[in-house]
Amino acid sequence: MEMATNRLIMKQLYPSFAPPEKWRNKTQSKKLKSDEWRLLREKILKKDNYTCAYCQYRLEKYQIVDHINGDPEDNNLENLQTICQMCNIVKHAGQGCVIQDIVDLYREVCKIS
């Protein structure tokens, strides 16, 4: 978070298009229930003052600890950030497009045009 002439500069938010092999699998989902993840998550939330990295929304409940590089196996502190639920939806909109074949449909339409 930077300050420039008394104006807050927020981090840019873009939909991600992580390849399916990087999406969370059952083993990774199981880790989210571990005490180790719970402690790491709380550490990140406190470090970020429960504030979304993108929109600066602050709330002590319901915030998400996000893997910046999209790799759920990479739990380095530099790769973890707090984001709100709405920014999480925007960030991962690309994955939903892939799941629903919207990206492939878009590619086909572009070839026809």
N, C-alpha and C. Protein backbone atom coordinates (compact mmCIF):
# COMPACT_ATOMS: atom_id res chain seq x y z
N MET A 1 0.85 -1.15 0.00
CA MET A 1 0.00 0.00 0.00
C MET A 1 0.91 1.23 0.00
N GLU A 2 0.72 2.12 -0.96
CA GLU A 2 1.52 3.31 -1.09
C GLU A 2 0.66 4.55 -0.93
N MET A 3 1.28 5.61 -0.47
CA MET A 3 0.59 6.88 -0.39
C MET A 3 1.23 7.84 -1.38
N ALA A 4 0.43 8.51 -2.19
CA ALA A 4 0.93 9.49 -3.14
C ALA A 4 0.04 10.72 -3.06
N THR A 5 0.63 11.82 -2.69
CA THR A 5 -0.12 13.07 -2.53
C THR A 5 -1.45 12.86 -1.80
N ASN A 6 -1.39 12.25 -0.64
CA ASN A 6 -2.56 12.01 0.22
C ASN A 6 -3.64 11.16 -0.43
N ARG A 7 -3.31 10.42 -1.46
CA ARG A 7 -4.28 9.55 -2.12
C ARG A 7 -3.80 8.11 -2.04
N LEU A 8 -4.66 7.21 -1.64
CA LEU A 8 -4.31 5.81 -1.51
C LEU A 8 -4.27 5.16 -2.89
N ILE A 9 -3.18 4.48 -3.19
CA ILE A 9 -3.07 3.75 -4.45
C ILE A 9 -3.35 2.28 -4.14
N MET A 10 -4.41 1.77 -4.74
CA MET A 10 -4.80 0.37 -4.47
C MET A 10 -4.16 -0.55 -5.50
N LYS A 11 -3.96 -1.77 -5.09
CA LYS A 11 -3.41 -2.81 -5.94
C LYS A 11 -4.41 -3.11 -7.07
N GLN A 12 -3.93 -3.29 -8.29
CA GLN A 12 -4.79 -3.60 -9.42
C GLN A 12 -5.33 -5.03 -9.29
N LEU A 13 -6.59 -5.21 -9.68
CA LEU A 13 -7.25 -6.51 -9.61
C LEU A 13 -7.64 -6.95 -11.01
N TYR A 14 -7.20 -8.14 -11.38
CA TYR A 14 -7.52 -8.71 -12.69
C TYR A 14 -8.03 -10.13 -12.51
N PRO A 15 -9.01 -10.55 -13.32
CA PRO A 15 -9.44 -11.96 -13.25
C PRO A 15 -8.27 -12.88 -13.60
N SER A 16 -8.14 -13.96 -12.87
CA SER A 16 -7.06 -14.91 -13.13
C SER A 16 -7.55 -16.03 -14.03
N PHE A 17 -6.61 -16.61 -14.71
CA PHE A 17 -6.92 -17.74 -15.58
C PHE A 17 -5.92 -18.85 -15.26
N ALA A 18 -5.85 -19.23 -14.00
CA ALA A 18 -4.92 -20.28 -13.58
C ALA A 18 -5.28 -21.59 -14.26
N PRO A 19 -4.27 -22.33 -14.72
CA PRO A 19 -4.55 -23.62 -15.36
C PRO A 19 -5.17 -24.59 -14.36
N PRO A 20 -6.04 -25.47 -14.83
CA PRO A 20 -6.74 -26.40 -13.92
C PRO A 20 -5.82 -27.18 -13.00
N GLU A 21 -4.61 -27.51 -13.43
CA GLU A 21 -3.71 -28.28 -12.57
C GLU A 21 -3.27 -27.47 -11.34
N LYS A 22 -3.49 -26.16 -11.34
CA LYS A 22 -3.17 -25.32 -10.19
C LYS A 22 -4.37 -25.11 -9.26
N TRP A 23 -5.54 -25.59 -9.65
CA TRP A 23 -6.73 -25.40 -8.82
C TRP A 23 -6.64 -26.31 -7.61
N ARG A 24 -7.33 -25.94 -6.56
CA ARG A 24 -7.29 -26.69 -5.32
C ARG A 24 -7.90 -28.08 -5.51
N ASN A 25 -7.17 -29.10 -5.07
CA ASN A 25 -7.67 -30.48 -5.15
C ASN A 25 -8.10 -30.94 -3.75
N LYS A 26 -8.53 -32.18 -3.64
CA LYS A 26 -9.04 -32.69 -2.36
C LYS A 26 -7.98 -32.66 -1.26
N THR A 27 -6.74 -32.99 -1.60
CA THR A 27 -5.66 -32.99 -0.61
C THR A 27 -5.42 -31.57 -0.09
N GLN A 28 -5.41 -30.61 -1.00
CA GLN A 28 -5.19 -29.22 -0.60
C GLN A 28 -6.37 -28.70 0.21
N SER A 29 -7.58 -29.09 -0.17
CA SER A 29 -8.77 -28.67 0.58
C SER A 29 -8.72 -29.21 2.01
N LYS A 30 -8.20 -30.42 2.16
CA LYS A 30 -8.08 -31.04 3.48
C LYS A 30 -7.11 -30.24 4.36
N LYS A 31 -6.04 -29.70 3.74
CA LYS A 31 -5.06 -28.92 4.49
C LYS A 31 -5.68 -27.66 5.09
N LEU A 32 -6.72 -27.14 4.44
CA LEU A 32 -7.37 -25.92 4.94
C LEU A 32 -8.03 -26.13 6.29
N LYS A 33 -8.23 -27.37 6.67
CA LYS A 33 -8.85 -27.68 7.96
C LYS A 33 -7.81 -27.93 9.05
N SER A 34 -6.53 -27.87 8.69
CA SER A 34 -5.46 -28.17 9.65
C SER A 34 -5.19 -26.99 10.57
N ASP A 35 -4.65 -27.30 11.75
CA ASP A 35 -4.26 -26.26 12.70
C ASP A 35 -3.14 -25.40 12.11
N GLU A 36 -2.24 -26.02 11.34
CA GLU A 36 -1.14 -25.29 10.72
C GLU A 36 -1.67 -24.18 9.80
N TRP A 37 -2.65 -24.52 8.95
CA TRP A 37 -3.22 -23.51 8.04
C TRP A 37 -3.98 -22.45 8.84
N ARG A 38 -4.73 -22.87 9.83
CA ARG A 38 -5.51 -21.93 10.64
C ARG A 38 -4.59 -20.89 11.28
N LEU A 39 -3.45 -21.32 11.82
CA LEU A 39 -2.50 -20.39 12.43
C LEU A 39 -1.85 -19.48 11.39
N LEU A 40 -1.50 -20.05 10.24
CA LEU A 40 -0.89 -19.26 9.17
C LEU A 40 -1.89 -18.23 8.65
N ARG A 41 -3.12 -18.64 8.48
CA ARG A 41 -4.18 -17.75 8.00
C ARG A 41 -4.36 -16.57 8.95
N GLU A 42 -4.43 -16.85 10.24
CA GLU A 42 -4.60 -15.80 11.24
C GLU A 42 -3.41 -14.84 11.23
N LYS A 43 -2.20 -15.38 11.04
CA LYS A 43 -1.00 -14.55 10.98
C LYS A 43 -1.09 -13.57 9.81
N ILE A 44 -1.55 -14.04 8.64
CA ILE A 44 -1.66 -13.18 7.46
C ILE A 44 -2.76 -12.14 7.67
N LEU A 45 -3.90 -12.55 8.19
CA LEU A 45 -4.99 -11.61 8.44
C LEU A 45 -4.54 -10.48 9.37
N LYS A 46 -3.84 -10.84 10.44
CA LYS A 46 -3.35 -9.83 11.38
C LYS A 46 -2.31 -8.93 10.73
N LYS A 47 -1.40 -9.52 9.97
CA LYS A 47 -0.36 -8.75 9.29
C LYS A 47 -0.98 -7.70 8.37
N ASP A 48 -2.05 -8.08 7.69
CA ASP A 48 -2.73 -7.19 6.75
C ASP A 48 -3.83 -6.36 7.42
N ASN A 49 -3.92 -6.46 8.74
CA ASN A 49 -4.94 -5.73 9.50
C ASN A 49 -6.36 -6.03 8.98
N TYR A 50 -6.57 -7.28 8.57
CA TYR A 50 -7.89 -7.73 8.09
C TYR A 50 -8.40 -6.87 6.92
N THR A 51 -7.49 -6.32 6.13
CA THR A 51 -7.85 -5.38 5.08
C THR A 51 -7.55 -5.97 3.71
N CYS A 52 -8.51 -5.88 2.80
CA CYS A 52 -8.36 -6.39 1.45
C CYS A 52 -7.23 -5.66 0.72
N ALA A 53 -6.36 -6.43 0.08
CA ALA A 53 -5.23 -5.87 -0.66
C ALA A 53 -5.68 -5.05 -1.86
N TYR A 54 -6.89 -5.30 -2.36
CA TYR A 54 -7.35 -4.63 -3.57
C TYR A 54 -8.25 -3.43 -3.28
N CYS A 55 -9.31 -3.60 -2.53
CA CYS A 55 -10.29 -2.51 -2.35
C CYS A 55 -10.18 -1.83 -0.99
N GLN A 56 -9.31 -2.36 -0.12
CA GLN A 56 -9.08 -1.82 1.22
C GLN A 56 -10.25 -2.03 2.18
N TYR A 57 -11.21 -2.88 1.82
CA TYR A 57 -12.33 -3.19 2.71
C TYR A 57 -11.76 -3.93 3.92
N ARG A 58 -12.14 -3.50 5.11
CA ARG A 58 -11.63 -4.09 6.34
C ARG A 58 -12.78 -4.71 7.13
N LEU A 59 -12.59 -5.97 7.50
CA LEU A 59 -13.56 -6.68 8.31
C LEU A 59 -12.83 -7.83 8.98
N GLU A 60 -13.08 -8.06 10.23
CA GLU A 60 -12.38 -9.14 10.93
C GLU A 60 -13.01 -10.50 10.69
N LYS A 61 -14.18 -10.54 10.06
CA LYS A 61 -14.81 -11.82 9.71
C LYS A 61 -14.85 -11.95 8.19
N TYR A 62 -14.86 -13.15 7.73
CA TYR A 62 -15.12 -13.49 6.33
C TYR A 62 -14.03 -13.11 5.34
N GLN A 63 -12.93 -12.52 5.77
CA GLN A 63 -11.86 -12.21 4.82
C GLN A 63 -11.18 -13.51 4.40
N ILE A 64 -10.57 -13.48 3.23
CA ILE A 64 -9.96 -14.66 2.63
C ILE A 64 -8.45 -14.46 2.55
N VAL A 65 -7.70 -15.52 2.84
CA VAL A 65 -6.26 -15.48 2.61
C VAL A 65 -6.04 -16.10 1.23
N ASP A 66 -5.50 -15.28 0.35
CA ASP A 66 -5.35 -15.60 -1.07
C ASP A 66 -3.89 -15.91 -1.41
N HIS A 67 -3.70 -16.89 -2.30
CA HIS A 67 -2.38 -17.19 -2.84
C HIS A 67 -2.17 -16.27 -4.04
N ILE A 68 -1.29 -15.31 -3.94
CA ILE A 68 -1.07 -14.31 -4.97
C ILE A 68 -0.76 -14.95 -6.32
N ASN A 69 0.10 -15.96 -6.33
CA ASN A 69 0.50 -16.59 -7.60
C ASN A 69 -0.47 -17.69 -8.05
N GLY A 70 -1.54 -17.90 -7.31
CA GLY A 70 -2.55 -18.89 -7.70
C GLY A 70 -2.20 -20.33 -7.36
N ASP A 71 -1.05 -20.55 -6.75
CA ASP A 71 -0.61 -21.91 -6.42
C ASP A 71 -0.95 -22.21 -4.96
N PRO A 72 -1.97 -23.06 -4.71
CA PRO A 72 -2.37 -23.34 -3.34
C PRO A 72 -1.34 -24.12 -2.53
N GLU A 73 -0.28 -24.57 -3.17
CA GLU A 73 0.80 -25.27 -2.46
C GLU A 73 1.86 -24.29 -1.96
N ASP A 74 1.87 -23.08 -2.49
CA ASP A 74 2.90 -22.10 -2.16
C ASP A 74 2.42 -21.22 -1.00
N ASN A 75 2.76 -21.64 0.21
CA ASN A 75 2.33 -20.92 1.41
C ASN A 75 3.41 -20.01 1.99
N ASN A 76 4.32 -19.53 1.14
CA ASN A 76 5.30 -18.55 1.60
C ASN A 76 4.57 -17.28 2.00
N LEU A 77 5.03 -16.65 3.06
CA LEU A 77 4.37 -15.45 3.56
C LEU A 77 4.24 -14.36 2.49
N GLU A 78 5.23 -14.26 1.60
CA GLU A 78 5.20 -13.25 0.53
C GLU A 78 4.14 -13.56 -0.51
N ASN A 79 3.66 -14.81 -0.55
CA ASN A 79 2.67 -15.22 -1.53
C ASN A 79 1.24 -15.20 -0.99
N LEU A 80 1.07 -14.77 0.24
CA LEU A 80 -0.26 -14.78 0.86
C LEU A 80 -0.70 -13.35 1.16
N GLN A 81 -1.97 -13.07 0.86
CA GLN A 81 -2.53 -11.75 1.12
C GLN A 81 -3.98 -11.89 1.53
N THR A 82 -4.47 -10.88 2.22
CA THR A 82 -5.87 -10.83 2.63
C THR A 82 -6.68 -10.17 1.52
N ILE A 83 -7.79 -10.80 1.14
CA ILE A 83 -8.71 -10.17 0.19
C ILE A 83 -10.14 -10.42 0.66
N CYS A 84 -11.03 -9.52 0.26
CA CYS A 84 -12.44 -9.67 0.64
C CYS A 84 -13.13 -10.67 -0.31
N GLN A 85 -14.31 -11.06 0.05
CA GLN A 85 -15.04 -12.04 -0.76
C GLN A 85 -15.33 -11.54 -2.17
N MET A 86 -15.69 -10.27 -2.30
CA MET A 86 -16.02 -9.73 -3.62
C MET A 86 -14.79 -9.70 -4.53
N CYS A 87 -13.66 -9.26 -4.01
CA CYS A 87 -12.44 -9.24 -4.82
C CYS A 87 -11.98 -10.66 -5.15
N ASN A 88 -12.22 -11.60 -4.24
CA ASN A 88 -11.90 -13.00 -4.52
C ASN A 88 -12.73 -13.51 -5.70
N ILE A 89 -13.99 -13.13 -5.76
CA ILE A 89 -14.85 -13.55 -6.87
C ILE A 89 -14.32 -12.98 -8.18
N VAL A 90 -13.97 -11.70 -8.17
CA VAL A 90 -13.44 -11.08 -9.40
C VAL A 90 -12.13 -11.76 -9.80
N LYS A 91 -11.23 -11.94 -8.83
CA LYS A 91 -9.92 -12.53 -9.14
C LYS A 91 -10.06 -13.92 -9.75
N HIS A 92 -10.98 -14.70 -9.24
CA HIS A 92 -11.11 -16.08 -9.72
C HIS A 92 -12.21 -16.26 -10.77
N ALA A 93 -12.72 -15.16 -11.31
CA ALA A 93 -13.74 -15.25 -12.35
C ALA A 93 -13.23 -16.03 -13.55
N GLY A 94 -11.95 -15.91 -13.83
CA GLY A 94 -11.37 -16.63 -14.96
C GLY A 94 -11.50 -18.14 -14.81
N GLN A 95 -11.37 -18.65 -13.59
CA GLN A 95 -11.52 -20.08 -13.38
C GLN A 95 -12.93 -20.53 -13.69
N GLY A 96 -13.92 -19.74 -13.29
CA GLY A 96 -15.30 -20.08 -13.59
C GLY A 96 -15.55 -20.10 -15.08
N CYS A 97 -14.92 -19.18 -15.79
CA CYS A 97 -15.07 -19.16 -17.25
C CYS A 97 -14.49 -20.42 -17.87
N VAL A 98 -13.37 -20.90 -17.34
CA VAL A 98 -12.75 -22.12 -17.86
C VAL A 98 -13.65 -23.32 -17.56
N ILE A 99 -14.17 -23.38 -16.32
CA ILE A 99 -15.02 -24.50 -15.93
C ILE A 99 -16.26 -24.56 -16.82
N GLN A 100 -16.84 -23.44 -17.12
CA GLN A 100 -18.07 -23.38 -17.91
C GLN A 100 -17.80 -23.36 -19.42
N ASP A 101 -16.56 -23.52 -19.83
CA ASP A 101 -16.17 -23.51 -21.25
C ASP A 101 -16.44 -22.17 -21.92
N ILE A 102 -16.58 -21.11 -21.15
CA ILE A 102 -16.81 -19.79 -21.73
C ILE A 102 -15.57 -19.33 -22.48
N VAL A 103 -14.40 -19.63 -21.93
CA VAL A 103 -13.16 -19.22 -22.59
C VAL A 103 -13.04 -19.91 -23.94
N ASP A 104 -13.31 -21.22 -24.00
CA ASP A 104 -13.24 -21.94 -25.27
C ASP A 104 -14.29 -21.42 -26.24
N LEU A 105 -15.47 -21.12 -25.76
CA LEU A 105 -16.52 -20.57 -26.61
C LEU A 105 -16.09 -19.22 -27.16
N TYR A 106 -15.47 -18.40 -26.33
CA TYR A 106 -15.00 -17.10 -26.76
C TYR A 106 -13.94 -17.25 -27.85
N ARG A 107 -13.03 -18.20 -27.66
CA ARG A 107 -11.98 -18.44 -28.67
C ARG A 107 -12.59 -18.85 -30.00
N GLU A 108 -13.63 -19.70 -29.95
CA GLU A 108 -14.28 -20.14 -31.19
C GLU A 108 -14.98 -18.98 -31.89
N VAL A 109 -15.64 -18.14 -31.14
CA VAL A 109 -16.34 -16.99 -31.72
C VAL A 109 -15.32 -16.05 -32.37
N CYS A 110 -14.17 -15.87 -31.73
CA CYS A 110 -13.14 -14.99 -32.29
C CYS A 110 -12.58 -15.55 -33.60
N LYS A 111 -12.47 -16.87 -33.70
CA LYS A 111 -11.98 -17.48 -34.94
C LYS A 111 -12.96 -17.25 -36.09
N ILE A 112 -14.26 -17.29 -35.78
CA ILE A 112 -15.29 -17.12 -36.80
C ILE A 112 -15.35 -15.67 -37.28
N SER A 113 -15.17 -14.74 -36.36
CA SER A 113 -15.29 -13.30 -36.70
C SER A 113 -14.23 -12.82 -37.65
